[in-house]
Amino acid sequence: HRPLTEQFADQRIRQIELDVFADSKGGLYA
């Protein structure tokens, strides 16, 4: 996918989806 700004501005997108992972200490997925 394009950067979010381009999705909103150029692709006329008005709904996005984010998959989220908790990382309370940092570095878990680094």
PDB file of all heavy atoms in Angstrom:
ATOM      1  N   HIS A   1       0.835  -1.203   0.000  1.00  0.00           N
ATOM      2  CA  HIS A   1       0.000   0.000   0.000  1.00  0.00           C
ATOM      3  C   HIS A   1       0.869   1.252   0.000  1.00  0.00           C
ATOM      4  O   HIS A   1       2.019   1.237   0.469  1.00  0.00           O
ATOM      5  CB  HIS A   1      -0.922   0.018   1.214  1.00  0.00           C
ATOM      6  CG  HIS A   1      -2.079  -0.930   1.092  1.00  0.00           C
ATOM      7  ND1 HIS A   1      -3.031  -0.814   0.099  1.00  0.00           N
ATOM      8  CD2 HIS A   1      -2.443  -2.008   1.840  1.00  0.00           C
ATOM      9  CE1 HIS A   1      -3.922  -1.781   0.234  1.00  0.00           C
ATOM     10  NE2 HIS A   1      -3.591  -2.513   1.272  1.00  0.00           N
ATOM     11  N   ARG A   2       0.308   2.312  -0.504  1.00  0.00           N
ATOM     12  CA  ARG A   2       0.994   3.606  -0.494  1.00  0.00           C
ATOM     13  C   ARG A   2       1.009   4.171   0.930  1.00  0.00           C
ATOM     14  O   ARG A   2       0.247   3.726   1.793  1.00  0.00           O
ATOM     15  CB  ARG A   2       0.268   4.588  -1.401  1.00  0.00           C
ATOM     16  CG  ARG A   2       0.229   4.216  -2.875  1.00  0.00           C
ATOM     17  CD  ARG A   2      -0.357   5.389  -3.646  1.00  0.00           C
ATOM     18  NE  ARG A   2      -0.697   5.061  -5.012  1.00  0.00           N
ATOM     19  CZ  ARG A   2      -1.205   5.928  -5.882  1.00  0.00           C
ATOM     20  NH1 ARG A   2      -1.430   7.187  -5.496  1.00  0.00           N
ATOM     21  NH2 ARG A   2      -1.496   5.562  -7.121  1.00  0.00           N
ATOM     22  N   PRO A   3       1.838   5.185   1.174  1.00  0.00           N
ATOM     23  CA  PRO A   3       1.763   5.879   2.467  1.00  0.00           C
ATOM     24  C   PRO A   3       0.336   6.350   2.738  1.00  0.00           C
ATOM     25  O   PRO A   3      -0.433   6.634   1.804  1.00  0.00           O
ATOM     26  CB  PRO A   3       2.722   7.064   2.279  1.00  0.00           C
ATOM     27  CG  PRO A   3       3.702   6.580   1.254  1.00  0.00           C
ATOM     28  CD  PRO A   3       2.912   5.716   0.317  1.00  0.00           C
ATOM     29  N   LEU A   4      -0.030   6.434   4.010  1.00  0.00           N
ATOM     30  CA  LEU A   4      -1.413   6.749   4.364  1.00  0.00           C
ATOM     31  C   LEU A   4      -1.899   8.063   3.758  1.00  0.00           C
ATOM     32  O   LEU A   4      -3.040   8.156   3.297  1.00  0.00           O
ATOM     33  CB  LEU A   4      -1.564   6.790   5.885  1.00  0.00           C
ATOM     34  CG  LEU A   4      -1.374   5.465   6.625  1.00  0.00           C
ATOM     35  CD1 LEU A   4      -1.633   5.665   8.120  1.00  0.00           C
ATOM     36  CD2 LEU A   4      -2.291   4.380   6.069  1.00  0.00           C
ATOM     37  N   THR A   5      -1.053   9.079   3.756  1.00  0.00           N
ATOM     38  CA  THR A   5      -1.473  10.366   3.198  1.00  0.00           C
ATOM     39  C   THR A   5      -1.898  10.218   1.743  1.00  0.00           C
ATOM     40  O   THR A   5      -2.897  10.802   1.305  1.00  0.00           O
ATOM     41  CB  THR A   5      -0.342  11.401   3.313  1.00  0.00           C
ATOM     42  OG1 THR A   5      -0.007  11.584   4.695  1.00  0.00           O
ATOM     43  CG2 THR A   5      -0.768  12.746   2.728  1.00  0.00           C
ATOM     44  N   GLU A   6      -1.161   9.424   0.981  1.00  0.00           N
ATOM     45  CA  GLU A   6      -1.518   9.196  -0.419  1.00  0.00           C
ATOM     46  C   GLU A   6      -2.802   8.380  -0.531  1.00  0.00           C
ATOM     47  O   GLU A   6      -3.598   8.581  -1.459  1.00  0.00           O
ATOM     48  CB  GLU A   6      -0.378   8.496  -1.148  1.00  0.00           C
ATOM     49  CG  GLU A   6       0.871   9.344  -1.290  1.00  0.00           C
ATOM     50  CD  GLU A   6       1.968   8.628  -2.059  1.00  0.00           C
ATOM     51  OE1 GLU A   6       1.649   7.693  -2.825  1.00  0.00           O
ATOM     52  OE2 GLU A   6       3.147   8.991  -1.889  1.00  0.00           O
ATOM     53  N   GLN A   7      -3.014   7.456   0.384  1.00  0.00           N
ATOM     54  CA  GLN A   7      -4.263   6.696   0.357  1.00  0.00           C
ATOM     55  C   GLN A   7      -5.464   7.619   0.539  1.00  0.00           C
ATOM     56  O   GLN A   7      -6.470   7.498  -0.163  1.00  0.00           O
ATOM     57  CB  GLN A   7      -4.252   5.615   1.443  1.00  0.00           C
ATOM     58  CG  GLN A   7      -3.251   4.497   1.201  1.00  0.00           C
ATOM     59  CD  GLN A   7      -3.364   3.379   2.218  1.00  0.00           C
ATOM     60  OE1 GLN A   7      -4.460   2.953   2.568  1.00  0.00           O
ATOM     61  NE2 GLN A   7      -2.228   2.909   2.707  1.00  0.00           N
ATOM     62  N   PHE A   8      -5.360   8.551   1.484  1.00  0.00           N
ATOM     63  CA  PHE A   8      -6.465   9.475   1.726  1.00  0.00           C
ATOM     64  C   PHE A   8      -6.632  10.462   0.568  1.00  0.00           C
ATOM     65  O   PHE A   8      -7.746  10.682   0.085  1.00  0.00           O
ATOM     66  CB  PHE A   8      -6.245  10.262   3.019  1.00  0.00           C
ATOM     67  CG  PHE A   8      -6.098   9.402   4.236  1.00  0.00           C
ATOM     68  CD1 PHE A   8      -5.059   9.617   5.134  1.00  0.00           C
ATOM     69  CD2 PHE A   8      -6.984   8.376   4.494  1.00  0.00           C
ATOM     70  CE1 PHE A   8      -4.910   8.829   6.267  1.00  0.00           C
ATOM     71  CE2 PHE A   8      -6.849   7.574   5.620  1.00  0.00           C
ATOM     72  CZ  PHE A   8      -5.805   7.803   6.502  1.00  0.00           C
ATOM     73  N   ALA A   9      -5.530  11.038   0.128  1.00  0.00           N
ATOM     74  CA  ALA A   9      -5.593  12.130  -0.843  1.00  0.00           C
ATOM     75  C   ALA A   9      -5.776  11.644  -2.274  1.00  0.00           C
ATOM     76  O   ALA A   9      -6.596  12.196  -3.020  1.00  0.00           O
ATOM     77  CB  ALA A   9      -4.317  12.974  -0.751  1.00  0.00           C
ATOM     78  N   ASP A  10      -5.031  10.624  -2.675  1.00  0.00           N
ATOM     79  CA  ASP A  10      -5.006  10.209  -4.076  1.00  0.00           C
ATOM     80  C   ASP A  10      -5.878   8.995  -4.371  1.00  0.00           C
ATOM     81  O   ASP A  10      -6.329   8.815  -5.508  1.00  0.00           O
ATOM     82  CB  ASP A  10      -3.568   9.903  -4.507  1.00  0.00           C
ATOM     83  CG  ASP A  10      -2.647  11.090  -4.341  1.00  0.00           C
ATOM     84  OD1 ASP A  10      -3.135  12.232  -4.419  1.00  0.00           O
ATOM     85  OD2 ASP A  10      -1.433  10.886  -4.130  1.00  0.00           O
ATOM     86  N   GLN A  11      -6.095   8.155  -3.367  1.00  0.00           N
ATOM     87  CA  GLN A  11      -6.880   6.936  -3.587  1.00  0.00           C
ATOM     88  C   GLN A  11      -8.280   7.018  -2.998  1.00  0.00           C
ATOM     89  O   GLN A  11      -9.040   6.062  -3.100  1.00  0.00           O
ATOM     90  CB  GLN A  11      -6.118   5.730  -3.021  1.00  0.00           C
ATOM     91  CG  GLN A  11      -4.781   5.495  -3.728  1.00  0.00           C
ATOM     92  CD  GLN A  11      -4.058   4.266  -3.206  1.00  0.00           C
ATOM     93  OE1 GLN A  11      -3.842   4.116  -1.995  1.00  0.00           O
ATOM     94  NE2 GLN A  11      -3.686   3.378  -4.106  1.00  0.00           N
ATOM     95  N   ARG A  12      -8.586   8.147  -2.380  1.00  0.00           N
ATOM     96  CA  ARG A  12      -9.932   8.444  -1.869  1.00  0.00           C
ATOM     97  C   ARG A  12     -10.376   7.443  -0.799  1.00  0.00           C
ATOM     98  O   ARG A  12     -11.551   7.079  -0.695  1.00  0.00           O
ATOM     99  CB  ARG A  12     -10.948   8.476  -3.011  1.00  0.00           C
ATOM    100  CG  ARG A  12     -10.512   9.264  -4.228  1.00  0.00           C
ATOM    101  CD  ARG A  12     -10.433  10.742  -3.952  1.00  0.00           C
ATOM    102  NE  ARG A  12     -11.759  11.362  -4.040  1.00  0.00           N
ATOM    103  CZ  ARG A  12     -12.053  12.546  -3.507  1.00  0.00           C
ATOM    104  NH1 ARG A  12     -11.143  13.183  -2.803  1.00  0.00           N
ATOM    105  NH2 ARG A  12     -13.263  13.057  -3.638  1.00  0.00           N
ATOM    106  N   ILE A  13      -9.437   7.009  -0.005  1.00  0.00           N
ATOM    107  CA  ILE A  13      -9.703   6.027   1.054  1.00  0.00           C
ATOM    108  C   ILE A  13     -10.210   6.751   2.300  1.00  0.00           C
ATOM    109  O   ILE A  13      -9.668   7.772   2.711  1.00  0.00           O
ATOM    110  CB  ILE A  13      -8.418   5.230   1.371  1.00  0.00           C
ATOM    111  CG1 ILE A  13      -8.045   4.336   0.195  1.00  0.00           C
ATOM    112  CG2 ILE A  13      -8.567   4.427   2.652  1.00  0.00           C
ATOM    113  CD1 ILE A  13      -9.130   3.380  -0.228  1.00  0.00           C
ATOM    114  N   ARG A  14     -11.253   6.172   2.922  1.00  0.00           N
ATOM    115  CA  ARG A  14     -11.808   6.758   4.138  1.00  0.00           C
ATOM    116  C   ARG A  14     -11.974   5.708   5.243  1.00  0.00           C
ATOM    117  O   ARG A  14     -12.710   5.927   6.203  1.00  0.00           O
ATOM    118  CB  ARG A  14     -13.152   7.438   3.842  1.00  0.00           C
ATOM    119  CG  ARG A  14     -13.038   8.625   2.877  1.00  0.00           C
ATOM    120  CD  ARG A  14     -12.230   9.770   3.447  1.00  0.00           C
ATOM    121  NE  ARG A  14     -12.132  10.897   2.536  1.00  0.00           N
ATOM    122  CZ  ARG A  14     -11.147  11.098   1.676  1.00  0.00           C
ATOM    123  NH1 ARG A  14     -10.146  10.214   1.600  1.00  0.00           N
ATOM    124  NH2 ARG A  14     -11.119  12.161   0.897  1.00  0.00           N
ATOM    125  N   GLN A  15     -11.282   4.600   5.120  1.00  0.00           N
ATOM    126  CA  GLN A  15     -11.224   3.595   6.184  1.00  0.00           C
ATOM    127  C   GLN A  15      -9.888   2.869   6.056  1.00  0.00           C
ATOM    128  O   GLN A  15      -9.490   2.492   4.962  1.00  0.00           O
ATOM    129  CB  GLN A  15     -12.373   2.593   6.073  1.00  0.00           C
ATOM    130  CG  GLN A  15     -12.276   1.379   6.995  1.00  0.00           C
ATOM    131  CD  GLN A  15     -11.875   0.106   6.245  1.00  0.00           C
ATOM    132  OE1 GLN A  15     -12.574  -0.325   5.329  1.00  0.00           O
ATOM    133  NE2 GLN A  15     -10.754  -0.497   6.628  1.00  0.00           N
ATOM    134  N   ILE A  16      -9.193   2.727   7.175  1.00  0.00           N
ATOM    135  CA  ILE A  16      -7.924   2.014   7.166  1.00  0.00           C
ATOM    136  C   ILE A  16      -7.956   0.896   8.200  1.00  0.00           C
ATOM    137  O   ILE A  16      -8.822   0.864   9.083  1.00  0.00           O
ATOM    138  CB  ILE A  16      -6.722   2.946   7.422  1.00  0.00           C
ATOM    139  CG1 ILE A  16      -6.837   3.634   8.794  1.00  0.00           C
ATOM    140  CG2 ILE A  16      -6.587   3.962   6.289  1.00  0.00           C
ATOM    141  CD1 ILE A  16      -5.600   4.444   9.186  1.00  0.00           C
ATOM    142  N   GLU A  17      -7.020  -0.009   8.073  1.00  0.00           N
ATOM    143  CA  GLU A  17      -6.918  -1.146   8.996  1.00  0.00           C
ATOM    144  C   GLU A  17      -5.484  -1.261   9.493  1.00  0.00           C
ATOM    145  O   GLU A  17      -4.538  -1.234   8.693  1.00  0.00           O
ATOM    146  CB  GLU A  17      -7.328  -2.435   8.286  1.00  0.00           C
ATOM    147  CG  GLU A  17      -7.174  -3.683   9.139  1.00  0.00           C
ATOM    148  CD  GLU A  17      -7.449  -4.949   8.360  1.00  0.00           C
ATOM    149  OE1 GLU A  17      -8.398  -4.961   7.549  1.00  0.00           O
ATOM    150  OE2 GLU A  17      -6.717  -5.945   8.562  1.00  0.00           O
ATOM    151  N   LEU A  18      -5.338  -1.376  10.798  1.00  0.00           N
ATOM    152  CA  LEU A  18      -4.025  -1.522  11.423  1.00  0.00           C
ATOM    153  C   LEU A  18      -3.993  -2.802  12.253  1.00  0.00           C
ATOM    154  O   LEU A  18      -4.864  -3.018  13.096  1.00  0.00           O
ATOM    155  CB  LEU A  18      -3.729  -0.322  12.330  1.00  0.00           C
ATOM    156  CG  LEU A  18      -3.823   1.084  11.709  1.00  0.00           C
ATOM    157  CD1 LEU A  18      -3.540   2.145  12.770  1.00  0.00           C
ATOM    158  CD2 LEU A  18      -2.876   1.226  10.525  1.00  0.00           C
ATOM    159  N   ASP A  19      -2.998  -3.647  12.010  1.00  0.00           N
ATOM    160  CA  ASP A  19      -2.744  -4.810  12.859  1.00  0.00           C
ATOM    161  C   ASP A  19      -1.789  -4.375  13.956  1.00  0.00           C
ATOM    162  O   ASP A  19      -0.705  -3.840  13.666  1.00  0.00           O
ATOM    163  CB  ASP A  19      -2.111  -5.950  12.054  1.00  0.00           C
ATOM    164  CG  ASP A  19      -3.077  -6.574  11.061  1.00  0.00           C
ATOM    165  OD1 ASP A  19      -4.250  -6.161  11.022  1.00  0.00           O
ATOM    166  OD2 ASP A  19      -2.655  -7.484  10.319  1.00  0.00           O
ATOM    167  N   VAL A  20      -2.174  -4.588  15.217  1.00  0.00           N
ATOM    168  CA  VAL A  20      -1.405  -4.008  16.318  1.00  0.00           C
ATOM    169  C   VAL A  20      -0.837  -5.079  17.249  1.00  0.00           C
ATOM    170  O   VAL A  20      -1.506  -6.060  17.577  1.00  0.00           O
ATOM    171  CB  VAL A  20      -2.256  -2.996  17.111  1.00  0.00           C
ATOM    172  CG1 VAL A  20      -2.670  -1.837  16.214  1.00  0.00           C
ATOM    173  CG2 VAL A  20      -3.492  -3.646  17.720  1.00  0.00           C
ATOM    174  N   PHE A  21       0.407  -4.862  17.647  1.00  0.00           N
ATOM    175  CA  PHE A  21       1.129  -5.744  18.557  1.00  0.00           C
ATOM    176  C   PHE A  21       1.570  -4.941  19.774  1.00  0.00           C
ATOM    177  O   PHE A  21       2.170  -3.873  19.631  1.00  0.00           O
ATOM    178  CB  PHE A  21       2.372  -6.318  17.879  1.00  0.00           C
ATOM    179  CG  PHE A  21       2.101  -7.356  16.813  1.00  0.00           C
ATOM    180  CD1 PHE A  21       1.605  -6.991  15.573  1.00  0.00           C
ATOM    181  CD2 PHE A  21       2.361  -8.699  17.056  1.00  0.00           C
ATOM    182  CE1 PHE A  21       1.366  -7.941  14.589  1.00  0.00           C
ATOM    183  CE2 PHE A  21       2.124  -9.659  16.081  1.00  0.00           C
ATOM    184  CZ  PHE A  21       1.622  -9.280  14.842  1.00  0.00           C
ATOM    185  N   ALA A  22       1.279  -5.455  20.959  1.00  0.00           N
ATOM    186  CA  ALA A  22       1.725  -4.799  22.184  1.00  0.00           C
ATOM    187  C   ALA A  22       3.242  -4.930  22.311  1.00  0.00           C
ATOM    188  O   ALA A  22       3.826  -5.971  21.989  1.00  0.00           O
ATOM    189  CB  ALA A  22       1.042  -5.415  23.397  1.00  0.00           C
ATOM    190  N   ASP A  23       3.874  -3.861  22.774  1.00  0.00           N
ATOM    191  CA  ASP A  23       5.333  -3.867  22.957  1.00  0.00           C
ATOM    192  C   ASP A  23       5.655  -2.894  24.080  1.00  0.00           C
ATOM    193  O   ASP A  23       6.216  -1.821  23.869  1.00  0.00           O
ATOM    194  CB  ASP A  23       6.014  -3.457  21.652  1.00  0.00           C
ATOM    195  CG  ASP A  23       7.531  -3.639  21.694  1.00  0.00           C
ATOM    196  OD1 ASP A  23       8.037  -4.276  22.645  1.00  0.00           O
ATOM    197  OD2 ASP A  23       8.205  -3.143  20.769  1.00  0.00           O
ATOM    198  N   SER A  24       5.287  -3.293  25.306  1.00  0.00           N
ATOM    199  CA  SER A  24       5.345  -2.372  26.443  1.00  0.00           C
ATOM    200  C   SER A  24       6.762  -1.976  26.825  1.00  0.00           C
ATOM    201  O   SER A  24       6.970  -0.891  27.375  1.00  0.00           O
ATOM    202  CB  SER A  24       4.631  -2.996  27.647  1.00  0.00           C
ATOM    203  OG  SER A  24       5.238  -4.231  28.006  1.00  0.00           O
ATOM    204  N   LYS A  25       7.732  -2.825  26.548  1.00  0.00           N
ATOM    205  CA  LYS A  25       9.120  -2.518  26.920  1.00  0.00           C
ATOM    206  C   LYS A  25       9.943  -2.017  25.742  1.00  0.00           C
ATOM    207  O   LYS A  25      11.014  -1.441  25.935  1.00  0.00           O
ATOM    208  CB  LYS A  25       9.777  -3.754  27.533  1.00  0.00           C
ATOM    209  CG  LYS A  25       9.130  -4.197  28.839  1.00  0.00           C
ATOM    210  CD  LYS A  25       9.825  -5.413  29.415  1.00  0.00           C
ATOM    211  CE  LYS A  25       9.174  -5.853  30.722  1.00  0.00           C
ATOM    212  NZ  LYS A  25       9.828  -7.070  31.292  1.00  0.00           N
ATOM    213  N   GLY A  26       9.481  -2.270  24.535  1.00  0.00           N
ATOM    214  CA  GLY A  26      10.215  -1.852  23.345  1.00  0.00           C
ATOM    215  C   GLY A  26      11.191  -2.918  22.872  1.00  0.00           C
ATOM    216  O   GLY A  26      11.725  -3.697  23.674  1.00  0.00           O
ATOM    217  N   GLY A  27      11.414  -2.986  21.589  1.00  0.00           N
ATOM    218  CA  GLY A  27      12.419  -3.884  21.025  1.00  0.00           C
ATOM    219  C   GLY A  27      11.975  -5.299  20.739  1.00  0.00           C
ATOM    220  O   GLY A  27      12.755  -6.090  20.203  1.00  0.00           O
ATOM    221  N   LEU A  28      10.722  -5.651  21.062  1.00  0.00           N
ATOM    222  CA  LEU A  28      10.282  -7.039  20.902  1.00  0.00           C
ATOM    223  C   LEU A  28      10.274  -7.469  19.435  1.00  0.00           C
ATOM    224  O   LEU A  28      10.532  -8.633  19.125  1.00  0.00           O
ATOM    225  CB  LEU A  28       8.884  -7.208  21.503  1.00  0.00           C
ATOM    226  CG  LEU A  28       8.298  -8.619  21.535  1.00  0.00           C
ATOM    227  CD1 LEU A  28       9.242  -9.609  22.227  1.00  0.00           C
ATOM    228  CD2 LEU A  28       6.940  -8.617  22.227  1.00  0.00           C
ATOM    229  N   TYR A  29      10.020  -6.532  18.542  1.00  0.00           N
ATOM    230  CA  TYR A  29       9.938  -6.855  17.111  1.00  0.00           C
ATOM    231  C   TYR A  29      11.021  -6.125  16.312  1.00  0.00           C
ATOM    232  O   TYR A  29      10.879  -5.909  15.109  1.00  0.00           O
ATOM    233  CB  TYR A  29       8.553  -6.481  16.586  1.00  0.00           C
ATOM    234  CG  TYR A  29       7.452  -7.059  17.445  1.00  0.00           C
ATOM    235  CD1 TYR A  29       6.749  -6.249  18.346  1.00  0.00           C
ATOM    236  CD2 TYR A  29       7.161  -8.416  17.410  1.00  0.00           C
ATOM    237  CE1 TYR A  29       5.763  -6.784  19.161  1.00  0.00           C
ATOM    238  CE2 TYR A  29       6.178  -8.958  18.223  1.00  0.00           C
ATOM    239  CZ  TYR A  29       5.490  -8.141  19.098  1.00  0.00           C
ATOM    240  OH  TYR A  29       4.520  -8.679  19.916  1.00  0.00           O
ATOM    241  N   ALA A  30      12.114  -5.797  16.985  1.00  0.00           N
ATOM    242  CA  ALA A  30      13.152  -4.960  16.384  1.00  0.00           C
ATOM    243  C   ALA A  30      14.205  -5.747  15.609  1.00  0.00           C
ATOM    244  O   ALA A  30      15.029  -5.145  14.908  1.00  0.00           O
ATOM    245  CB  ALA A  30      13.838  -4.132  17.476  1.00  0.00           C
TER     246      ALA A  30
END
